[in-house]
């Protein structure tokens, strides 16, 4: 749907506009009020990155065009974030797409034989985001756009957004960032990939206060400073295959069907349909969630462009020259601690690992060159995290689930071998309630209460927490093993090791603090009920009907 520009102010010498992003070839301004003579309009200057330049040849810099009646973006020109994306036609080379931060431009014209000038000031680019949110303290936006976006049905766009948002939430349980990460999905075509492809938007660079060219998303997540405004920080292109039929709506990647899980969850990859002979690809279906993980890691900085020094980044700084056998390695202290000698890279795709074919249907890393589209599974491996941390991203070490305990933290044990029956009602004040088997039911009254549940509970015991008043917290300390969990939209039942069963009624009204300890001042990580459920593999719990078991079992909170 086209969204018209907004005129903030206007007179005979200037027009001040707000422009919506992603409107290809849009008419920006009706010029009839200037009474421009036929064929007399000519662009003169443009302000780019704060500097005034001569406008240049309109057919070489395919940004804007104008006649006596209207000013418009050229057919392939569009605002993406705060930048204008346009086609540049060099004197001796093939045309290519580039972008520039443009805040104003001017043109001269004649009206009744008198030469005049008009300046167009771009006051604001309106960010037309499709989704935004915060998950596990990570803020994000998602924007799906592109010249071919109109070919996708609303259902397909929703599937793309749902699956992408699932990846963002899943990443947020494992890593943290400052600022707001702006994710973009550009729907387009790629003449070099006629069978369809999903590819990373990998080199979003910006200039910091010291004048250094840096990867904008990495800089923002480290400092919280947003160098590129509403321009995409992380993202990918979905390039439609030549044979794409909007009536059918089936996207393909390298001829295989692109499969979206209608209810993304930790079992999404195993839910993927089996081969059915519907394509001429070795596998008939590729899993979109796995591809999103792979491309987002490229976008986060696992990207290599030896032909453009402006795209030098922290990843390329660690790529070694070829050795005597022609092998090229990525080498860093973190990577070498996992793989002696570093990561062998694909000599044709130096931002992909060459760690061998999949084992038992799974690759050993989401960044492998073999199998990453068709046989990968979305969980990043230790070697993937090592490189992401080299680049500057932060992997969470607390407030997460782990298969093993944290040896640097205490593990609590029960003092009593049995629990008491009955109901224990607490006062109307703010109570700290350490559950140790003192009653079958713990009932909070008025006040903001904290319930500390842990291995202090006797083995083979069960208890229920009921509290409908105040702002209440369930706190679970580090090194508490959750053997299994059962979830409904307003209830959770957690089973700790040695059959300690805790049921929380009205669970959707509680905050869940994991890894904290109110008795010794450890802060921990606060999660909503939805975020807590997601940690155990339950997506969109507040819209759940019935109950479901969490997919994460025998995991320690650390």
Protein backbone atom coordinates (compact mmCIF):
# COMPACT_ATOMS: atom_id res chain seq x y z
CA UNK A 1 0.00 0.00 0.00
CA UNK A 2 1.45 3.33 -1.06
CA UNK A 3 1.89 5.89 1.70
CA UNK A 4 1.95 9.48 0.54
CA UNK A 5 4.68 11.93 1.60
CA UNK A 6 3.69 14.57 4.15
CA UNK A 7 4.34 18.28 3.46
CA UNK A 8 5.52 19.91 6.70
CA UNK A 9 5.85 23.39 5.23
CA UNK A 10 6.01 24.88 1.76
CA UNK A 11 6.55 28.17 -0.04
CA UNK A 12 7.87 29.21 -3.42
CA UNK A 13 11.52 28.68 -2.43
CA UNK A 14 11.41 25.44 -0.44
CA UNK A 15 9.36 22.38 0.49
CA UNK A 16 9.93 20.45 3.72
CA UNK A 17 8.83 16.81 3.55
CA UNK A 18 8.35 13.69 5.62
CA UNK A 19 8.73 10.63 3.40
CA UNK A 20 7.77 7.03 4.06
CA UNK A 21 10.43 4.43 3.43
CA UNK A 22 10.07 1.56 0.94
CA UNK A 23 7.96 3.46 -1.65
CA UNK A 24 9.72 2.69 -4.94
CA UNK A 25 9.45 5.31 -7.67
CA UNK A 26 7.02 7.38 -5.63
CA UNK A 27 5.86 10.85 -6.57
CA UNK A 28 7.16 13.09 -3.80
CA UNK A 29 5.78 16.48 -4.71
CA UNK A 30 3.21 18.13 -6.95
CA UNK A 31 5.10 20.99 -8.65
CA UNK A 32 2.23 22.62 -10.48
CA UNK A 33 2.08 25.42 -7.87
CA UNK A 34 5.48 26.64 -9.16
CA UNK A 35 4.19 27.17 -12.71
CA UNK A 36 7.34 25.63 -14.22
CA UNK A 37 7.98 26.14 -17.89
CA UNK A 38 8.18 23.04 -20.06
CA UNK A 39 11.72 21.57 -20.17
CA UNK A 40 13.30 24.22 -17.93
CA UNK A 41 13.83 22.24 -14.70
CA UNK A 42 17.39 21.18 -13.80
CA UNK A 43 18.85 19.69 -10.59
CA UNK A 44 21.77 21.73 -9.25
CA UNK A 45 23.01 20.68 -5.78
CA UNK A 46 22.50 17.90 -3.27
CA UNK A 47 23.40 17.62 0.44
CA UNK A 48 24.85 14.20 1.14
CA UNK A 49 26.29 13.23 4.56
CA UNK A 50 26.16 16.90 5.53
CA UNK A 51 28.22 18.13 2.55
CA UNK A 52 26.92 20.08 -0.46
CA UNK A 53 27.77 18.54 -3.84
CA UNK A 54 26.94 19.28 -7.43
CA UNK A 55 23.93 17.13 -8.23
CA UNK A 56 25.56 15.24 -11.13
CA UNK A 57 24.06 13.64 -14.19
CA UNK A 58 20.47 12.58 -13.57
CA UNK A 59 20.88 9.53 -15.83
CA UNK A 60 24.07 8.49 -14.04
CA UNK A 61 22.84 9.06 -10.47
CA UNK A 62 19.36 7.59 -10.75
CA UNK A 63 17.96 9.17 -7.59
CA UNK A 64 15.22 11.66 -8.47
CA UNK A 65 13.55 12.93 -11.61
CA UNK A 66 11.27 15.89 -12.28
CA UNK A 67 9.17 17.61 -14.92
CA UNK A 68 6.99 20.71 -14.83
CA UNK A 69 4.27 18.87 -12.92
CA UNK A 70 5.93 16.56 -10.38
CA UNK A 71 9.05 15.50 -8.48
CA UNK A 72 9.52 11.79 -7.94
CA UNK A 73 11.93 9.01 -7.11
CA UNK A 74 13.27 7.21 -10.14
CA UNK A 75 11.84 3.76 -10.80
CA UNK A 76 14.53 1.81 -8.89
CA UNK A 77 15.05 4.49 -6.26
CA UNK A 78 13.67 4.16 -2.72
CA UNK A 79 14.28 5.31 0.83
CA UNK A 80 15.46 2.37 2.95
CA UNK A 81 15.81 3.66 6.45
CA UNK A 82 17.26 7.15 6.29
CA UNK A 83 19.24 6.44 3.09
CA UNK A 84 18.23 6.68 -0.55
CA UNK A 85 18.92 3.43 -2.40
CA UNK A 86 19.45 4.09 -6.11
CA UNK A 87 21.18 2.84 -9.26
CA UNK A 88 24.53 4.33 -10.19
CA UNK A 89 25.70 4.01 -13.81
CA UNK A 90 29.52 4.40 -14.01
CA UNK A 91 31.21 5.68 -17.16
CA UNK A 92 33.02 2.40 -17.73
CA UNK A 93 31.25 -0.42 -15.97
CA UNK A 94 27.98 -2.10 -15.19
CA UNK A 95 25.25 -0.29 -13.22
CA UNK A 96 25.00 -1.20 -9.55
CA UNK A 97 22.83 -0.31 -6.57
CA UNK A 98 24.24 1.98 -3.90
CA UNK A 99 22.86 4.24 -1.19
CA UNK A 100 23.46 7.67 0.30
CA UNK A 101 22.28 9.75 3.23
CA UNK A 102 20.60 12.71 1.51
CA UNK A 103 18.95 15.49 3.49
CA UNK A 104 18.16 18.05 0.76
CA UNK A 105 18.58 18.91 -2.91
CA UNK A 106 17.82 21.89 -5.13
CA UNK A 107 16.74 22.56 -8.69
CA UNK A 108 16.39 25.63 -10.89
CA UNK A 109 13.56 26.29 -13.33
CA UNK A 110 11.96 29.07 -15.30
CA UNK A 111 8.53 30.47 -14.62
CA UNK A 112 7.19 32.97 -17.14
CA UNK A 113 10.73 33.44 -18.38
CA UNK A 114 12.22 34.15 -14.93
CA UNK A 115 14.78 31.74 -13.48
CA UNK A 116 14.02 30.59 -9.95
CA UNK A 117 15.29 28.00 -7.48
CA UNK A 118 13.50 25.54 -5.22
CA UNK A 119 15.00 23.41 -2.43
CA UNK A 120 13.49 20.17 -1.14
CA UNK A 121 14.37 19.42 2.47
CA UNK A 122 13.87 15.87 3.74
CA UNK A 123 12.90 16.48 7.34
CA UNK A 124 12.22 12.87 8.32
CA UNK A 125 12.03 9.36 6.93
CA UNK A 126 9.07 7.62 8.52
CA UNK A 127 9.98 4.15 9.78
CA UNK A 128 7.21 1.80 8.61
CA UNK A 129 8.08 -1.14 10.84
CA UNK A 130 5.91 -4.24 10.82
CA UNK A 131 6.76 -5.47 14.30
CA UNK A 132 8.58 -4.27 17.36
CA UNK A 133 9.12 -5.59 20.83
CA UNK A 134 11.40 -6.46 23.69
CA UNK A 135 12.31 -9.99 24.67
CA UNK A 136 14.57 -11.02 27.55
CA UNK A 137 15.63 -7.35 27.78
CA UNK A 138 16.63 -7.18 24.07
CA UNK A 139 14.77 -4.57 22.02
CA UNK A 140 14.07 -5.13 18.32
CA UNK A 141 12.07 -4.06 15.29
CA UNK A 142 11.27 -6.08 12.15
CA UNK A 143 10.52 -4.58 8.76
CA UNK A 144 9.56 -6.55 5.65
CA UNK A 145 9.81 -4.49 2.47
CA UNK A 146 11.20 -4.50 -1.06
CA UNK A 147 10.23 -3.97 -4.65
CA UNK A 148 8.58 -7.39 -4.90
CA UNK A 149 6.78 -7.29 -1.55
CA UNK A 150 3.40 -6.79 -3.22
CA UNK A 151 3.71 -10.27 -4.78
CA UNK A 152 3.58 -11.94 -1.37
CA UNK A 153 0.24 -12.74 0.21
CA UNK A 154 -0.53 -11.50 3.71
CA UNK A 155 -0.32 -15.12 4.89
CA UNK A 156 3.21 -15.54 3.50
CA UNK A 157 4.35 -12.24 4.99
CA UNK A 158 2.98 -13.31 8.37
CA UNK A 159 4.84 -16.63 8.17
CA UNK A 160 8.09 -14.85 7.31
CA UNK A 161 7.63 -12.42 10.19
CA UNK A 162 6.59 -15.14 12.67
CA UNK A 163 9.59 -17.35 11.85
CA UNK A 164 12.02 -14.41 11.88
CA UNK A 165 10.67 -13.13 15.19
CA UNK A 166 11.04 -16.61 16.65
CA UNK A 167 14.75 -16.58 15.75
CA UNK A 168 15.16 -13.13 17.34
CA UNK A 169 13.51 -14.34 20.55
CA UNK A 170 15.56 -17.53 20.58
CA UNK A 171 18.76 -15.55 20.09
CA UNK A 172 17.67 -13.26 22.92
CA UNK A 173 17.69 -16.19 25.35
CA UNK A 174 21.35 -16.78 24.47
CA UNK A 175 22.81 -13.32 23.86
CA UNK A 176 22.25 -9.72 24.89
CA UNK A 177 22.56 -6.37 23.12
CA UNK A 178 22.27 -2.71 23.91
CA UNK A 179 20.13 -0.34 21.90
CA UNK A 180 17.43 -1.55 19.51
CA UNK A 181 18.33 -3.97 16.73
CA UNK A 182 16.46 -3.11 13.51
CA UNK A 183 15.94 -6.29 11.48
CA UNK A 184 15.04 -5.98 7.80
CA UNK A 185 13.72 -8.46 5.23
CA UNK A 186 14.10 -7.21 1.65
CA UNK A 187 11.91 -9.05 -0.87
CA UNK A 188 13.45 -8.68 -4.31
CA UNK A 189 14.77 -10.59 -7.31
CA UNK A 190 18.34 -11.59 -8.15
CA UNK A 191 19.17 -12.22 -11.80
CA UNK A 192 22.12 -14.37 -10.70
CA UNK A 193 19.86 -16.63 -8.62
CA UNK A 194 16.94 -17.54 -10.90
CA UNK A 195 15.92 -20.45 -8.65
CA UNK A 196 15.53 -18.24 -5.59
CA UNK A 197 17.81 -17.49 -2.68
CA UNK A 198 17.92 -16.07 0.85
CA UNK A 199 21.06 -13.99 1.44
CA UNK A 200 22.40 -11.78 4.21
CA UNK A 201 22.41 -7.99 4.38
CA UNK A 202 25.94 -8.15 5.69
CA UNK A 203 27.89 -4.90 5.42
CA UNK A 204 25.87 -2.17 7.13
CA UNK A 205 28.73 0.13 8.07
CA UNK A 206 28.72 3.58 9.67
CA UNK A 207 31.17 6.18 10.97
CA UNK A 208 31.64 6.58 14.71
CA UNK A 209 32.53 9.74 16.63
CA UNK A 210 36.25 9.06 16.08
CA UNK A 211 35.80 8.98 12.32
CA UNK A 212 36.30 5.21 12.13
CA UNK A 213 34.24 3.05 9.80
CA UNK A 214 32.56 0.40 11.94
CA UNK A 215 29.91 -2.29 11.66
CA UNK A 216 26.85 -0.33 12.81
CA UNK A 217 25.00 -3.20 14.54
CA UNK A 218 28.07 -4.36 16.46
CA UNK A 219 28.77 -0.80 17.55
CA UNK A 220 25.20 -0.30 18.74
CA UNK A 221 25.04 -3.55 20.68
CA UNK A 222 28.32 -2.72 22.42
CA UNK A 223 27.63 0.94 23.22
CA UNK A 224 23.90 1.52 22.77
CA UNK A 225 24.70 4.30 20.25
CA UNK A 226 22.63 4.08 17.08
CA UNK A 227 24.81 5.35 14.23
CA UNK A 228 22.40 4.65 11.38
CA UNK A 229 18.98 5.60 12.76
CA UNK A 230 16.13 3.58 11.29
CA UNK A 231 18.33 1.99 8.63
CA UNK A 232 18.43 -1.81 8.88
CA UNK A 233 21.02 -3.13 11.36
CA UNK A 234 20.67 -6.84 10.63
CA UNK A 235 18.75 -8.61 7.93
CA UNK A 236 18.44 -10.64 4.78
CA UNK A 237 17.19 -10.64 1.22
CA UNK A 238 14.51 -13.03 0.04
CA UNK A 239 15.00 -13.14 -3.72
CA UNK A 240 12.04 -14.60 -5.57
CA UNK A 241 12.65 -17.31 -8.13
CA UNK A 242 11.98 -16.43 -11.78
CA UNK A 243 9.10 -18.89 -11.83
CA UNK A 244 7.42 -17.46 -8.72
CA UNK A 245 3.64 -17.46 -9.09
CA UNK A 246 1.80 -15.11 -6.69
CA UNK A 247 -1.34 -17.22 -7.10
CA UNK A 248 0.46 -20.30 -5.74
CA UNK A 249 2.78 -18.42 -3.38
CA UNK A 250 5.46 -21.12 -3.08
CA UNK A 251 8.94 -19.69 -2.55
CA UNK A 252 11.97 -21.73 -3.52
CA UNK A 253 15.66 -21.61 -2.60
CA UNK A 254 18.02 -23.26 -5.09
CA UNK A 255 14.89 -25.02 -6.48
CA UNK A 256 13.89 -26.51 -3.10
CA UNK A 257 10.64 -25.42 -1.46
CA UNK A 258 11.12 -22.92 1.35
CA UNK A 259 9.22 -24.27 4.35
CA UNK A 260 7.82 -22.07 7.12
CA UNK A 261 6.63 -23.59 10.38
CA UNK A 262 3.15 -22.17 11.14
CA UNK A 263 3.91 -22.62 14.86
CA UNK A 264 7.68 -22.16 15.24
CA UNK A 265 9.14 -24.07 18.18
CA UNK A 266 12.28 -26.02 19.12
CA UNK A 267 11.07 -28.98 17.06
CA UNK A 268 10.48 -26.94 13.90
CA UNK A 269 13.27 -28.56 11.91
CA UNK A 270 12.06 -32.09 12.65
CA UNK A 271 8.53 -31.01 11.66
CA UNK A 272 9.74 -30.19 8.16
CA UNK A 273 7.93 -32.26 5.48
CA UNK A 274 9.68 -35.30 4.05
CA UNK A 275 10.80 -35.46 0.44
CA UNK A 276 7.81 -35.88 -1.83
CA UNK A 277 9.30 -35.46 -5.32
CA UNK A 278 7.79 -32.01 -5.74
CA UNK A 279 11.09 -30.46 -6.90
CA UNK A 280 14.21 -31.42 -8.83
CA UNK A 281 16.35 -30.70 -5.75
CA UNK A 282 17.99 -33.49 -3.68
CA UNK A 283 15.84 -32.24 -0.80
CA UNK A 284 12.39 -30.93 -1.55
CA UNK A 285 12.13 -28.66 1.50
CA UNK A 286 14.52 -26.24 3.20
CA UNK A 287 13.75 -24.99 6.70
CA UNK A 288 13.45 -21.20 6.84
CA UNK A 289 14.33 -20.88 10.54
CA UNK A 290 17.69 -22.59 10.03
CA UNK A 291 18.42 -20.34 7.07
CA UNK A 292 17.51 -17.23 9.09
CA UNK A 293 20.00 -18.21 11.80
CA UNK A 294 22.74 -18.69 9.20
CA UNK A 295 22.06 -15.39 7.43
CA UNK A 296 21.65 -13.38 10.66
CA UNK A 297 25.09 -14.59 11.80
CA UNK A 298 26.48 -13.36 8.47
CA UNK A 299 24.70 -10.05 9.04
CA UNK A 300 26.16 -9.82 12.55
CA UNK A 301 29.61 -9.74 11.00
CA UNK A 302 30.66 -13.20 9.78
CA UNK A 303 31.16 -11.71 6.35
CA UNK A 304 34.17 -11.32 4.07
CA UNK A 305 34.64 -8.96 1.15
CA UNK A 306 38.31 -8.91 0.05
CA UNK A 307 37.53 -6.67 -2.93
CA UNK A 308 36.26 -3.75 -0.90
CA UNK A 309 38.52 -2.35 1.83
CA UNK A 310 35.60 -0.24 3.11
CA UNK A 311 33.99 -3.50 4.26
CA UNK A 312 36.93 -4.60 6.37
CA UNK A 313 35.61 -5.86 9.70
CA UNK A 314 36.66 -7.75 12.82
CA UNK A 315 36.02 -11.07 11.13
CA UNK A 316 38.26 -10.36 8.15
CA UNK A 317 40.97 -9.14 10.53
CA UNK A 318 41.30 -12.73 11.79
CA UNK A 319 41.43 -14.45 8.38
CA UNK A 320 44.99 -15.63 7.77
CA UNK A 321 46.80 -15.68 4.42
CA UNK A 322 46.78 -19.02 2.62
CA UNK A 323 49.31 -21.54 3.97
CA UNK A 324 51.75 -23.55 1.86
CA UNK A 325 48.97 -25.97 0.89
CA UNK A 326 46.59 -23.20 -0.07
CA UNK A 327 44.40 -23.59 3.04
CA UNK A 328 42.93 -20.47 4.60
CA UNK A 329 42.06 -20.37 8.30
CA UNK A 330 40.22 -18.12 10.69
CA UNK A 331 42.39 -17.84 13.79
CA UNK A 332 41.69 -16.33 17.22
CA UNK A 333 42.28 -17.36 20.81
CA UNK A 334 38.63 -18.38 21.22
CA UNK A 335 38.48 -20.35 17.97
CA UNK A 336 41.85 -22.01 18.52
CA UNK A 337 40.78 -23.19 21.98
CA UNK A 338 37.99 -25.18 20.28
CA UNK A 339 39.74 -26.20 17.04
CA UNK A 340 43.50 -26.40 17.22
CA UNK A 341 44.95 -24.26 14.46
CA UNK A 342 41.68 -22.40 13.90
CA UNK A 343 38.76 -22.84 11.51
CA UNK A 344 39.42 -24.13 8.01
CA UNK A 345 37.49 -21.89 5.63
CA UNK A 346 35.85 -22.69 2.33
CA UNK A 347 38.37 -21.30 -0.18
CA UNK A 348 35.54 -19.99 -2.38
CA UNK A 349 33.34 -18.67 0.42
CA UNK A 350 35.69 -17.37 3.08
CA UNK A 351 32.84 -16.53 5.45
CA UNK A 352 31.83 -20.20 5.59
CA UNK A 353 33.55 -23.00 7.47
CA UNK A 354 34.88 -26.12 5.74
CA UNK A 355 34.39 -28.60 8.58
CA UNK A 356 33.20 -31.57 6.58
CA UNK A 357 29.82 -33.03 5.62
CA UNK A 358 26.89 -33.33 8.02
CA UNK A 359 27.05 -36.07 10.67
CA UNK A 360 23.81 -37.98 11.29
CA UNK A 361 21.95 -35.35 9.31
CA UNK A 362 23.31 -32.38 11.23
CA UNK A 363 26.20 -30.06 10.53
CA UNK A 364 28.60 -29.30 13.37
CA UNK A 365 28.11 -25.56 12.90
CA UNK A 366 25.45 -23.31 11.41
CA UNK A 367 28.16 -21.57 9.36
CA UNK A 368 29.41 -24.65 7.50
CA UNK A 369 29.62 -24.52 3.71
CA UNK A 370 28.24 -28.06 3.39
CA UNK A 371 24.66 -28.69 4.42
CA UNK A 372 23.88 -25.37 6.04
CA UNK A 373 20.72 -24.88 3.96
CA UNK A 374 19.33 -28.40 3.79
CA UNK A 375 20.63 -30.31 6.79
CA UNK A 376 21.55 -27.68 9.35
CA UNK A 377 19.90 -27.17 12.70
CA UNK A 378 19.50 -23.70 14.01
CA UNK A 379 21.31 -23.87 17.36
CA UNK A 380 24.69 -22.17 16.98
CA UNK A 381 27.61 -24.35 18.02
CA UNK A 382 30.44 -23.32 20.33
CA UNK A 383 32.65 -22.50 17.35
CA UNK A 384 29.96 -20.18 15.95
CA UNK A 385 29.69 -18.39 19.29
CA UNK A 386 33.47 -18.07 19.50
CA UNK A 387 33.57 -16.08 16.26
CA UNK A 388 30.51 -13.99 17.13
CA UNK A 389 32.18 -13.06 20.42
CA UNK A 390 35.40 -12.20 18.57
CA UNK A 391 33.38 -9.77 16.47
CA UNK A 392 32.11 -8.08 19.63
CA UNK A 393 28.72 -9.60 20.40
CA UNK A 394 27.82 -10.67 23.94
CA UNK A 395 26.87 -14.25 24.75
CA UNK A 396 24.90 -14.61 27.94
CA UNK A 397 26.57 -16.51 30.76
CA UNK A 398 23.78 -16.02 33.33
CA UNK A 399 20.02 -16.22 33.22
CA UNK A 400 20.16 -19.13 30.78
CA UNK A 401 19.71 -22.90 30.67
CA UNK A 402 22.72 -25.20 30.66
CA UNK A 403 23.27 -28.94 30.43
CA UNK A 404 25.83 -28.68 33.23
CA UNK A 405 26.08 -26.81 36.53
CA UNK A 406 28.20 -23.74 37.07
CA UNK A 407 31.09 -24.99 39.27
CA UNK A 408 31.71 -21.44 40.50
CA UNK A 409 28.30 -21.23 42.18
CA UNK A 410 26.75 -23.06 45.10
CA UNK A 411 24.28 -25.91 44.68
CA UNK A 412 21.59 -25.96 47.36
CA UNK A 413 20.49 -29.09 49.23
CA UNK A 414 17.43 -29.89 51.33
CA UNK A 415 17.64 -29.74 55.12
CA UNK A 416 14.49 -31.79 55.65
CA UNK A 417 13.64 -35.24 54.32
CA UNK A 418 9.89 -34.66 54.32
CA UNK A 419 7.41 -31.85 53.80
CA UNK A 420 4.40 -30.79 55.84
CA UNK A 421 0.81 -30.69 54.68
CA UNK A 422 -1.76 -27.93 54.87
CA UNK A 423 -1.78 -24.31 53.76
CA UNK A 424 0.51 -21.60 55.07
CA UNK A 425 -0.92 -18.10 54.72
CA UNK A 426 1.54 -15.21 54.82
CA UNK A 427 1.03 -11.64 56.00
CA UNK A 428 -0.32 -8.78 53.95
CA UNK A 429 3.15 -7.20 53.85
CA UNK A 430 5.99 -7.77 51.39
CA UNK A 431 7.24 -11.27 52.20
CA UNK A 432 10.34 -13.23 51.22
CA UNK A 433 9.17 -16.84 51.25
CA UNK A 434 11.84 -19.54 51.12
CA UNK A 435 10.11 -22.77 50.17
CA UNK A 436 11.61 -25.64 52.18
CA UNK A 437 8.68 -28.01 52.67
CA UNK A 438 6.94 -25.96 55.37
CA UNK A 439 3.49 -26.55 53.81
CA UNK A 440 1.71 -28.17 50.88
CA UNK A 441 0.35 -24.81 49.74
CA UNK A 442 1.98 -21.40 50.10
CA UNK A 443 -0.57 -18.61 49.89
CA UNK A 444 0.45 -14.98 49.68
CA UNK A 445 -1.96 -12.25 50.69
CA UNK A 446 -1.64 -8.53 49.89
CA UNK A 447 1.85 -7.19 49.30
CA UNK A 448 4.67 -7.83 46.86
CA UNK A 449 6.07 -11.28 47.63
CA UNK A 450 9.15 -13.20 46.49
CA UNK A 451 8.96 -17.00 46.44
CA UNK A 452 12.39 -18.65 46.52
CA UNK A 453 12.03 -22.18 45.09
CA UNK A 454 15.03 -24.48 44.93
CA UNK A 455 16.56 -27.77 46.01
CA UNK A 456 15.87 -26.71 49.57
CA UNK A 457 12.56 -28.49 49.01
CA UNK A 458 12.64 -32.10 50.21
CA UNK A 459 13.07 -34.84 47.62
CA UNK A 460 9.86 -36.46 46.31
CA UNK A 461 7.73 -33.55 47.50
CA UNK A 462 5.12 -31.34 45.88
CA UNK A 463 3.82 -27.89 46.64
CA UNK A 464 1.55 -25.20 45.15
CA UNK A 465 1.97 -21.42 45.14
CA UNK A 466 -1.15 -19.26 45.12
CA UNK A 467 -0.95 -15.46 45.15
CA UNK A 468 -3.40 -13.17 43.37
CA UNK A 469 -2.46 -9.82 44.92
CA UNK A 470 0.54 -7.57 44.53
CA UNK A 471 3.59 -7.72 42.26
CA UNK A 472 5.07 -11.14 42.91
CA UNK A 473 8.26 -12.94 41.92
CA UNK A 474 9.22 -16.57 41.54
CA UNK A 475 12.99 -16.81 42.06
CA UNK A 476 15.01 -19.90 41.08
CA UNK A 477 18.71 -19.83 41.99
CA UNK A 478 21.63 -20.98 39.87
CA UNK A 479 22.42 -24.71 39.61
CA UNK A 480 18.78 -25.71 40.06
CA UNK A 481 17.98 -28.50 37.63
CA UNK A 482 14.57 -28.44 35.94
CA UNK A 483 13.97 -32.04 34.95
CA UNK A 484 10.73 -31.27 33.13
CA UNK A 485 7.99 -28.67 32.90
CA UNK A 486 4.30 -28.55 32.01
CA UNK A 487 2.63 -25.37 30.81
CA UNK A 488 -0.79 -23.82 30.33
CA UNK A 489 -1.62 -20.20 29.59
CA UNK A 490 -2.02 -19.37 33.30
CA UNK A 491 -0.25 -22.25 35.10
CA UNK A 492 3.18 -23.85 35.19
CA UNK A 493 4.33 -27.05 36.90
CA UNK A 494 8.08 -27.38 37.33
CA UNK A 495 9.73 -30.63 38.32
CA UNK A 496 13.16 -30.18 39.85
CA UNK A 497 15.64 -33.05 40.25
CA UNK A 498 14.68 -35.84 42.66
CA UNK A 499 10.99 -35.31 41.93
CA UNK A 500 10.47 -31.93 43.59
CA UNK A 501 7.23 -30.67 41.99
CA UNK A 502 6.18 -27.01 42.18
CA UNK A 503 2.88 -25.76 40.72
CA UNK A 504 2.29 -22.02 40.28
CA UNK A 505 -1.31 -20.93 39.83
CA UNK A 506 -2.07 -17.62 38.10
CA UNK A 507 1.43 -18.05 36.75
CA UNK A 508 0.96 -15.41 34.06
CA UNK A 509 0.85 -12.70 36.75
CA UNK A 510 4.31 -13.49 38.19
CA UNK A 511 7.78 -12.28 37.25
CA UNK A 512 10.34 -15.09 37.00
CA UNK A 513 13.82 -14.34 38.29
CA UNK A 514 16.32 -16.99 37.24
CA UNK A 515 19.83 -17.29 38.59
CA UNK A 516 19.14 -14.78 41.37
CA UNK A 517 19.31 -15.33 45.11
CA UNK A 518 17.52 -12.91 47.41
CA UNK A 519 19.38 -14.35 50.42
CA UNK A 520 22.84 -13.30 49.21
CA UNK A 521 22.09 -10.35 46.93
CA UNK A 522 22.64 -12.01 43.52
CA UNK A 523 20.40 -10.06 41.12
CA UNK A 524 19.58 -12.72 38.51
CA UNK A 525 17.57 -12.14 35.34
CA UNK A 526 13.89 -11.13 35.31
CA UNK A 527 11.61 -12.75 32.74
CA UNK A 528 7.93 -12.46 31.97
CA UNK A 529 5.82 -15.61 31.97
CA UNK A 530 5.97 -15.67 28.15
CA UNK A 531 9.77 -15.31 28.18
CA UNK A 532 10.13 -17.94 30.90
CA UNK A 533 8.01 -20.37 28.89
CA UNK A 534 9.94 -19.63 25.72
CA UNK A 535 13.16 -20.56 27.53
CA UNK A 536 11.74 -24.06 27.91
CA UNK A 537 10.49 -24.29 24.34
CA UNK A 538 6.94 -22.95 24.70
CA UNK A 539 6.17 -20.28 22.13
CA UNK A 540 3.23 -17.86 22.46
CA UNK A 541 2.08 -19.36 25.75
CA UNK A 542 -0.57 -16.73 26.43
CA UNK A 543 -2.54 -17.95 23.39
CA UNK A 544 -2.12 -21.62 24.25
CA UNK A 545 -5.14 -23.90 24.45
CA UNK A 546 -4.76 -26.89 26.75
CA UNK A 547 -1.35 -27.77 28.17
CA UNK A 548 2.02 -28.74 26.78
CA UNK A 549 5.30 -30.19 28.04
CA UNK A 550 8.40 -28.06 27.69
CA UNK A 551 10.89 -29.41 25.16
CA UNK A 552 13.90 -28.47 27.31
CA UNK A 553 14.46 -31.20 29.91
CA UNK A 554 17.16 -31.95 32.48
CA UNK A 555 18.55 -28.43 32.19
CA UNK A 556 20.21 -26.34 34.89
CA UNK A 557 19.40 -22.71 35.49
CA UNK A 558 22.64 -20.73 35.74
